[in-house]
Amino acid sequence: MEKIAFYAGSFDPFTIGHFRIVCEALCSYDKVIIGIGENPDKKKRLFGIEERKNLVWQSLQDFLGLWKSRRLCGNIFSVSEEKAMARLETDTGCLYVVSYEGLTVDAALYYGATVLIRGKRIIGDDADEMYQSIINKQLLAVRHRPLGMELIPVPQENLTYISSSAFKNLCKMEEYIAAMSYVAPRVHNAMMKKCLRKTFIEAYHETVPGYFKSQPEEAWDKLCEVYEKRPYHNLSHLAYGINFLNIYYHLSKNRQKIKKGDILLAWFYHDFVSGETNAEEKSIAKIIDRLYLDREKKLIPALIRATVHRPDVVRQTDEEKLISDMDMAILGDAANYGRYSLGILQEYADIGSFVTERKSFLQRQLKSEIFHLPFFKEILEETARQNLQRELHYWQQLS
């Protein structure tokens, strides 16, 4: 008889904690079914049921990609995660994602589960788990059907406080970088579509002249169409830079000199065209008329040009140095650099000269100062050099 585990939850959204529970289950059961429950009596979910199903699958694909490229990314996986990833790579029938309404026990029985599993964090779950176990046993007794129960503890202490609500709270505080460690890359990117809309519209109203009507909302929708499907130069990349802009603005003594609205709008559009020759100039050409900007207004084009990372690019103003440092800040992130390097690889994988060009970029950055403002240089330069050197060594070994 097949051992089939049913793992139920709202998964709004699916987190790294959920992923770890799935990995533990895949090591013990023939098949794992992730059941996404929908209770119409409860508060409205952040993501719709179909969105949540897609995000679960995308999360699993993201983690599988990080596992396959772990030498490049530097990610460390536990023994159970290694085993689960190896199984997911070859056994397409070992995991299913379904949605259901009504009682979890009925959904589990309907899909042929033999065990109902739940994740248990170290702190705060005992009373709730005991209550759920008693209720489920009573419901099963009425149905005269057997269904085992298993609690799977969160395997690492540092995951104790990771939850969907904690992730959403960090995003609400605009701490988008801290939120990255809670979810897979594509979940974070989907969340940023919801989080950044207000910031964009406020920057649009502050910077773009003229009569607005629905222009800002239409501009945001078009921006999302361009950014949201990219592996790296996407909405998460925009959020990362905005997070650092906010930190700089709150902590720097030079903040009064910074024209935040112009920087934000330039930042939102600096990768409007990406992966092409002279991409920044093409981005500028596309937005001049789109944003109704006077062609004599040179600040936003100058800021976009400041995100070109070549030795011949001179950044004269603090605004130009700031947006350049925002763009490069990920290089100094020890926790998220692996996601960045994999995202770059995925985004430009079709370019035949990718490895050569990537090595050239890494070597070029290592030969010069990466950051321009003392604020960024002090906290990020050393780690950035370590990250760049580590990735360069990886590509050199493959050559």
Protein backbone atom coordinates (compact mmCIF):
# COMPACT_ATOMS: atom_id res chain seq x y z
CA MET A 1 0.00 0.00 0.00
CA GLU A 2 1.30 3.42 -0.97
CA LYS A 3 2.12 5.82 1.83
CA ILE A 4 0.54 9.11 0.74
CA ALA A 5 0.96 12.27 2.81
CA PHE A 6 -1.47 15.20 2.61
CA TYR A 7 0.08 18.53 3.65
CA ALA A 8 -2.66 21.14 4.08
CA GLY A 9 -2.44 24.89 4.50
CA SER A 10 -3.44 28.23 3.05
CA PHE A 11 0.11 28.84 1.74
CA ASP A 12 -0.53 32.55 1.32
CA PRO A 13 2.22 32.50 0.24
CA PHE A 14 4.38 29.35 0.25
CA THR A 15 7.52 29.95 2.35
CA ILE A 16 10.89 28.30 2.82
CA GLY A 17 9.49 26.78 6.03
CA HIS A 18 6.77 25.05 4.03
CA PHE A 19 9.40 23.88 1.56
CA ARG A 20 11.44 22.27 4.34
CA ILE A 21 8.39 20.35 5.59
CA VAL A 22 7.71 19.12 2.04
CA CYS A 23 11.32 17.92 1.79
CA GLU A 24 11.03 15.99 5.04
CA ALA A 25 7.80 14.39 3.81
CA LEU A 26 9.33 13.44 0.45
CA CYS A 27 11.98 11.47 2.34
CA SER A 28 9.36 9.40 4.17
CA TYR A 29 6.37 8.96 1.87
CA ASP A 30 5.74 7.50 -1.59
CA LYS A 31 3.73 10.53 -2.60
CA VAL A 32 3.14 13.99 -1.12
CA ILE A 33 0.03 16.05 -1.87
CA ILE A 34 0.10 19.76 -1.04
CA GLY A 35 -3.49 20.78 -0.38
CA ILE A 36 -4.30 24.49 -0.57
CA GLY A 37 -7.41 25.13 1.49
CA GLU A 38 -9.95 27.83 0.73
CA ASN A 39 -12.31 28.90 3.49
CA PRO A 40 -14.82 31.51 2.20
CA ASP A 41 -15.67 32.51 5.78
CA LYS A 42 -12.12 33.66 6.51
CA LYS A 43 -10.50 36.95 5.59
CA LYS A 44 -9.59 37.61 1.98
CA ARG A 45 -6.29 36.05 0.97
CA LEU A 46 -3.45 38.08 -0.49
CA PHE A 47 -3.14 35.69 -3.43
CA GLY A 48 -6.03 33.92 -5.14
CA ILE A 49 -6.26 30.13 -5.08
CA GLU A 50 -4.86 29.66 -8.59
CA GLU A 51 -2.07 32.13 -7.86
CA ARG A 52 -1.13 30.17 -4.76
CA LYS A 53 -1.08 26.89 -6.68
CA ASN A 54 1.20 28.41 -9.30
CA LEU A 55 3.46 29.95 -6.66
CA VAL A 56 3.88 26.60 -4.90
CA TRP A 57 5.02 25.01 -8.16
CA GLN A 58 7.23 27.98 -8.98
CA SER A 59 8.77 27.83 -5.51
CA LEU A 60 9.64 24.18 -5.93
CA GLN A 61 11.18 24.91 -9.33
CA ASP A 62 13.16 27.81 -7.86
CA PHE A 63 14.55 25.69 -5.03
CA LEU A 64 15.31 22.89 -7.47
CA GLY A 65 17.21 25.38 -9.64
CA LEU A 66 19.19 26.63 -6.65
CA TRP A 67 20.00 23.02 -5.77
CA LYS A 68 21.15 22.14 -9.29
CA SER A 69 23.35 25.25 -9.38
CA ARG A 70 24.52 25.04 -5.77
CA ARG A 71 28.20 25.23 -6.74
CA LEU A 72 27.55 28.55 -8.45
CA CYS A 73 25.13 29.85 -5.82
CA GLY A 74 26.91 28.58 -2.74
CA ASN A 75 23.69 27.34 -1.16
CA ILE A 76 23.96 24.59 1.44
CA PHE A 77 21.20 21.98 1.59
CA SER A 78 20.49 19.55 4.41
CA VAL A 79 20.64 15.79 3.88
CA SER A 80 16.85 15.54 3.63
CA GLU A 81 16.70 18.48 1.22
CA GLU A 82 19.38 16.93 -0.97
CA LYS A 83 17.44 13.67 -1.04
CA ALA A 84 14.14 15.43 -1.77
CA MET A 85 15.60 17.56 -4.57
CA ALA A 86 17.19 14.53 -6.22
CA ARG A 87 13.81 12.81 -6.11
CA LEU A 88 11.92 15.82 -7.48
CA GLU A 89 14.37 16.05 -10.36
CA THR A 90 13.64 12.52 -11.59
CA ASP A 91 10.25 11.47 -10.15
CA THR A 92 7.54 13.71 -11.58
CA GLY A 93 4.77 11.76 -9.88
CA CYS A 94 5.96 12.05 -6.30
CA LEU A 95 4.32 15.41 -5.60
CA TYR A 96 0.99 17.01 -6.45
CA VAL A 97 -0.55 20.39 -5.67
CA VAL A 98 -4.34 20.55 -5.31
CA SER A 99 -6.89 23.04 -4.01
CA TYR A 100 -9.98 22.25 -1.98
CA GLU A 101 -12.87 23.73 -0.06
CA GLY A 102 -14.37 22.36 3.09
CA LEU A 103 -12.78 20.10 5.66
CA THR A 104 -9.14 19.09 5.36
CA VAL A 105 -9.86 15.49 6.41
CA ASP A 106 -12.41 15.14 3.59
CA ALA A 107 -9.91 16.48 1.05
CA ALA A 108 -7.20 14.14 2.34
CA LEU A 109 -9.49 11.12 2.15
CA TYR A 110 -10.75 12.13 -1.30
CA TYR A 111 -7.20 12.21 -2.69
CA GLY A 112 -6.35 8.83 -1.16
CA ALA A 113 -4.01 10.07 1.57
CA THR A 114 -2.97 7.68 4.31
CA VAL A 115 -1.47 10.34 6.57
CA LEU A 116 -2.31 13.96 7.30
CA ILE A 117 0.90 15.86 8.05
CA ARG A 118 1.37 19.24 9.67
CA GLY A 119 4.46 21.32 10.26
CA LYS A 120 5.29 22.13 13.85
CA ARG A 121 7.42 25.06 14.83
CA ILE A 122 9.34 24.99 18.09
CA ILE A 123 7.42 27.81 19.73
CA GLY A 124 3.70 28.47 19.95
CA ASP A 125 2.16 25.56 18.05
CA ASP A 126 1.51 22.99 20.80
CA ALA A 127 -1.99 24.06 21.90
CA ASP A 128 -3.22 24.56 18.34
CA GLU A 129 -1.84 21.23 17.17
CA MET A 130 -3.46 19.38 20.07
CA TYR A 131 -6.80 21.00 19.30
CA GLN A 132 -6.55 20.18 15.58
CA SER A 133 -5.58 16.57 16.32
CA ILE A 134 -8.58 16.02 18.64
CA ILE A 135 -11.03 17.57 16.18
CA ASN A 136 -9.66 15.57 13.24
CA LYS A 137 -9.92 12.30 15.18
CA GLN A 138 -13.54 13.07 16.01
CA LEU A 139 -14.33 13.86 12.37
CA LEU A 140 -12.67 10.67 11.18
CA ALA A 141 -14.60 8.61 13.73
CA VAL A 142 -17.86 9.93 12.26
CA ARG A 143 -16.70 8.96 8.76
CA HIS A 144 -15.45 5.52 9.86
CA ARG A 145 -12.32 6.08 7.82
CA PRO A 146 -8.68 5.78 8.94
CA LEU A 147 -6.18 8.57 8.45
CA GLY A 148 -2.88 8.80 10.29
CA MET A 149 -1.60 12.02 11.80
CA GLU A 150 2.02 13.16 11.86
CA LEU A 151 3.64 16.32 13.10
CA ILE A 152 6.87 17.17 11.29
CA PRO A 153 8.97 19.60 13.32
CA VAL A 154 10.58 22.47 11.47
CA PRO A 155 14.06 20.96 10.94
CA GLN A 156 16.08 24.09 11.75
CA GLU A 157 15.80 26.44 14.69
CA ASN A 158 16.31 29.50 12.51
CA LEU A 159 13.05 28.66 10.69
CA THR A 160 10.99 28.83 13.89
CA TYR A 161 9.69 32.31 13.19
CA ILE A 162 9.35 32.00 9.41
CA SER A 163 5.73 32.17 8.38
CA SER A 164 3.58 33.67 5.64
CA SER A 165 2.37 36.36 8.02
CA ALA A 166 5.94 37.29 9.05
CA PHE A 167 6.89 37.60 5.38
CA LYS A 168 3.90 39.83 4.69
CA ASN A 169 4.66 41.99 7.74
CA LEU A 170 8.22 42.58 6.54
CA CYS A 171 6.90 43.60 3.12
CA LYS A 172 4.39 45.93 4.75
CA MET A 173 7.30 47.65 6.51
CA GLU A 174 9.06 47.90 3.10
CA GLU A 175 11.85 45.64 4.36
CA TYR A 176 11.96 43.79 1.08
CA ILE A 177 15.53 42.50 1.42
CA ALA A 178 14.92 40.81 4.78
CA ALA A 179 11.77 39.25 3.29
CA MET A 180 13.82 37.52 0.57
CA SER A 181 15.05 34.85 2.97
CA TYR A 182 11.47 33.77 3.71
CA VAL A 183 10.35 32.73 0.23
CA ALA A 184 11.48 31.51 -3.19
CA PRO A 185 12.56 34.16 -5.75
CA ARG A 186 9.37 34.05 -7.82
CA VAL A 187 7.15 34.37 -4.74
CA HIS A 188 9.08 37.47 -3.70
CA ASN A 189 8.77 38.88 -7.22
CA ALA A 190 4.99 38.27 -7.22
CA MET A 191 4.70 40.00 -3.85
CA MET A 192 6.62 43.02 -5.12
CA LYS A 193 3.98 43.56 -7.79
CA LYS A 194 1.57 44.25 -4.94
CA CYS A 195 4.00 46.20 -2.75
CA LEU A 196 5.62 48.60 -5.20
CA ARG A 197 2.49 49.91 -6.92
CA LYS A 198 1.87 52.67 -4.36
CA THR A 199 5.53 53.76 -4.40
CA PHE A 200 5.52 53.98 -8.19
CA ILE A 201 2.30 55.98 -8.39
CA GLU A 202 3.48 58.44 -5.73
CA ALA A 203 6.78 58.96 -7.57
CA TYR A 204 4.87 59.40 -10.84
CA HIS A 205 2.63 62.10 -9.36
CA GLU A 206 5.64 63.88 -7.86
CA THR A 207 7.78 63.86 -10.99
CA VAL A 208 5.71 63.59 -14.18
CA PRO A 209 4.07 66.84 -15.34
CA GLY A 210 0.57 67.12 -16.74
CA TYR A 211 -2.96 65.89 -16.26
CA PHE A 212 -2.95 62.37 -14.84
CA LYS A 213 -6.37 60.69 -14.89
CA SER A 214 -5.43 56.96 -15.16
CA GLN A 215 -1.92 57.54 -16.53
CA PRO A 216 0.01 56.36 -13.43
CA GLU A 217 -1.97 53.13 -13.13
CA GLU A 218 -1.58 52.39 -16.83
CA ALA A 219 2.14 53.13 -16.63
CA TRP A 220 2.46 50.76 -13.66
CA ASP A 221 0.66 47.95 -15.51
CA LYS A 222 2.96 48.39 -18.50
CA LEU A 223 6.02 48.44 -16.25
CA CYS A 224 4.93 45.15 -14.66
CA GLU A 225 4.46 43.55 -18.07
CA VAL A 226 8.09 44.35 -18.83
CA TYR A 227 9.68 43.43 -15.50
CA GLU A 228 7.68 40.66 -13.82
CA LYS A 229 8.75 37.66 -15.93
CA ARG A 230 12.52 38.25 -15.84
CA PRO A 231 14.69 36.00 -13.65
CA TYR A 232 16.77 38.86 -12.25
CA HIS A 233 16.07 42.35 -13.65
CA ASN A 234 12.56 42.12 -12.29
CA LEU A 235 10.33 43.64 -9.61
CA SER A 236 12.41 42.09 -6.83
CA HIS A 237 15.46 43.89 -8.21
CA LEU A 238 13.53 47.16 -8.15
CA ALA A 239 12.41 46.48 -4.56
CA TYR A 240 15.98 45.70 -3.49
CA GLY A 241 17.22 49.07 -4.68
CA ILE A 242 14.25 50.93 -3.17
CA ASN A 243 14.91 49.26 0.18
CA PHE A 244 18.48 50.59 0.13
CA LEU A 245 17.29 54.02 -1.04
CA ASN A 246 15.00 54.17 1.98
CA ILE A 247 17.79 53.06 4.33
CA TYR A 248 20.16 55.65 2.88
CA TYR A 249 17.51 58.35 3.10
CA HIS A 250 16.79 57.59 6.76
CA LEU A 251 20.40 57.20 7.91
CA SER A 252 22.48 59.51 5.72
CA LYS A 253 23.18 63.09 6.72
CA ASN A 254 23.06 64.06 3.01
CA ARG A 255 19.44 63.07 2.54
CA GLN A 256 18.20 66.66 2.22
CA LYS A 257 20.18 66.96 -1.03
CA ILE A 258 18.54 63.92 -2.57
CA LYS A 259 15.58 64.36 -4.94
CA LYS A 260 13.88 61.12 -4.00
CA GLY A 261 11.00 61.29 -6.51
CA ASP A 262 13.31 61.68 -9.50
CA ILE A 263 15.58 58.90 -8.27
CA LEU A 264 12.62 56.56 -7.78
CA LEU A 265 11.21 57.19 -11.25
CA ALA A 266 14.63 56.78 -12.86
CA TRP A 267 15.12 53.58 -10.86
CA PHE A 268 11.78 52.13 -11.93
CA TYR A 269 12.70 52.68 -15.58
CA HIS A 270 16.47 52.08 -15.58
CA ASP A 271 16.04 48.50 -16.84
CA PHE A 272 12.92 49.11 -18.92
CA VAL A 273 14.99 47.72 -21.79
CA SER A 274 17.39 45.01 -20.66
CA GLY A 275 19.79 42.58 -22.30
CA GLU A 276 20.33 44.66 -25.44
CA THR A 277 23.19 46.80 -26.67
CA ASN A 278 22.83 50.36 -25.35
CA ALA A 279 19.88 49.19 -23.25
CA GLU A 280 19.93 52.29 -21.02
CA GLU A 281 19.72 54.66 -24.01
CA LYS A 282 16.86 52.60 -25.39
CA SER A 283 15.12 52.79 -22.01
CA ILE A 284 15.48 56.58 -22.04
CA ALA A 285 14.14 56.83 -25.59
CA LYS A 286 11.08 54.77 -24.69
CA ILE A 287 10.14 56.73 -21.58
CA ILE A 288 10.69 60.33 -22.73
CA ASP A 289 7.30 60.47 -24.46
CA ARG A 290 5.69 57.86 -22.22
CA LEU A 291 6.28 60.01 -19.13
CA TYR A 292 5.54 63.33 -20.88
CA LEU A 293 8.96 64.58 -19.84
CA ASP A 294 10.35 67.74 -21.33
CA ARG A 295 13.33 66.72 -23.43
CA GLU A 296 15.31 69.45 -21.68
CA LYS A 297 14.74 67.77 -18.32
CA LYS A 298 18.01 65.91 -18.13
CA LEU A 299 18.04 64.58 -14.56
CA ILE A 300 16.16 61.31 -15.10
CA PRO A 301 18.09 60.36 -18.28
CA ALA A 302 21.35 61.19 -16.46
CA LEU A 303 20.36 58.95 -13.55
CA ILE A 304 19.53 56.06 -15.88
CA ARG A 305 22.89 56.49 -17.64
CA ALA A 306 24.58 56.29 -14.23
CA THR A 307 23.51 52.63 -14.02
CA VAL A 308 25.85 51.75 -16.90
CA HIS A 309 28.73 49.99 -15.17
CA ARG A 310 31.73 50.67 -17.42
CA PRO A 311 35.05 52.32 -16.54
CA ASP A 312 34.34 55.27 -18.86
CA VAL A 313 31.11 56.24 -17.07
CA VAL A 314 31.66 59.25 -14.81
CA ARG A 315 29.15 59.94 -12.04
CA GLN A 316 29.39 63.57 -10.96
CA THR A 317 26.46 64.11 -8.60
CA ASP A 318 25.43 62.38 -5.38
CA GLU A 319 22.20 61.31 -7.08
CA GLU A 320 24.12 59.59 -9.87
CA LYS A 321 26.42 57.87 -7.38
CA LEU A 322 23.45 56.82 -5.27
CA ILE A 323 21.49 55.14 -8.06
CA SER A 324 24.64 53.36 -9.23
CA ASP A 325 25.26 52.06 -5.71
CA MET A 326 21.61 50.97 -5.43
CA ASP A 327 22.08 48.98 -8.62
CA MET A 328 25.22 47.27 -7.33
CA ALA A 329 24.14 46.73 -3.72
CA ILE A 330 23.24 43.07 -4.33
CA LEU A 331 26.94 42.38 -4.96
CA GLY A 332 27.63 43.00 -1.29
CA ASP A 333 24.87 40.71 -0.02
CA ALA A 334 26.32 37.46 1.31
CA ALA A 335 22.88 35.89 1.84
CA ASN A 336 21.30 36.68 -1.54
CA TYR A 337 24.26 36.82 -3.94
CA GLY A 338 23.65 33.20 -4.99
CA ARG A 339 20.12 34.01 -6.11
CA TYR A 340 21.47 36.98 -8.02
CA SER A 341 24.16 35.01 -9.85
CA LEU A 342 21.67 32.27 -10.79
CA GLY A 343 19.13 34.87 -11.93
CA ILE A 344 21.72 36.51 -14.19
CA LEU A 345 22.62 33.11 -15.65
CA GLN A 346 18.96 32.26 -16.29
CA GLU A 347 18.22 35.65 -17.83
CA TYR A 348 21.11 35.54 -20.28
CA ALA A 349 21.50 31.78 -20.75
CA ASP A 350 20.70 32.03 -24.49
CA ILE A 351 23.64 34.33 -25.16
CA GLY A 352 26.42 32.15 -26.55
CA SER A 353 29.15 34.39 -25.18
CA PHE A 354 27.62 34.58 -21.68
CA VAL A 355 30.50 33.00 -19.76
CA THR A 356 33.13 35.18 -21.47
CA GLU A 357 31.12 38.34 -20.92
CA ARG A 358 30.31 37.40 -17.34
CA LYS A 359 33.98 36.83 -16.49
CA SER A 360 34.83 40.14 -18.11
CA PHE A 361 32.22 41.94 -16.00
CA LEU A 362 33.45 40.33 -12.77
CA GLN A 363 37.11 41.12 -13.53
CA ARG A 364 36.25 44.70 -14.48
CA GLN A 365 34.44 45.30 -11.20
CA LEU A 366 37.27 43.78 -9.16
CA LYS A 367 39.77 46.16 -10.77
CA SER A 368 37.89 49.27 -9.72
CA GLU A 369 35.95 50.67 -6.80
CA ILE A 370 32.53 49.04 -6.83
CA PHE A 371 30.68 51.63 -4.74
CA HIS A 372 30.93 55.41 -4.87
CA LEU A 373 29.27 56.83 -1.76
CA PRO A 374 31.02 56.23 1.58
CA PHE A 375 27.74 54.95 3.04
CA PHE A 376 27.66 51.97 0.64
CA LYS A 377 31.41 51.51 0.42
CA GLU A 378 31.74 51.04 4.18
CA ILE A 379 29.10 48.33 4.54
CA LEU A 380 29.22 46.51 1.19
CA GLU A 381 32.59 46.84 -0.61
CA GLU A 382 34.52 44.08 1.17
CA THR A 383 31.74 41.49 0.93
CA ALA A 384 31.11 42.42 -2.71
CA ARG A 385 34.74 41.69 -3.59
CA GLN A 386 34.55 38.32 -1.87
CA ASN A 387 31.34 37.43 -3.74
CA LEU A 388 32.70 38.54 -7.11
CA GLN A 389 35.97 36.67 -6.61
CA ARG A 390 34.12 33.50 -5.63
CA GLU A 391 31.89 33.61 -8.71
CA LEU A 392 34.82 34.43 -10.99
CA HIS A 393 36.67 31.40 -9.65
CA TYR A 394 33.63 29.25 -10.45
CA TRP A 395 33.54 30.36 -14.11
CA GLN A 396 37.32 30.09 -14.49
CA GLN A 397 37.22 26.47 -13.32
CA LEU A 398 34.64 25.68 -16.01
CA SER A 399 36.71 27.21 -18.79
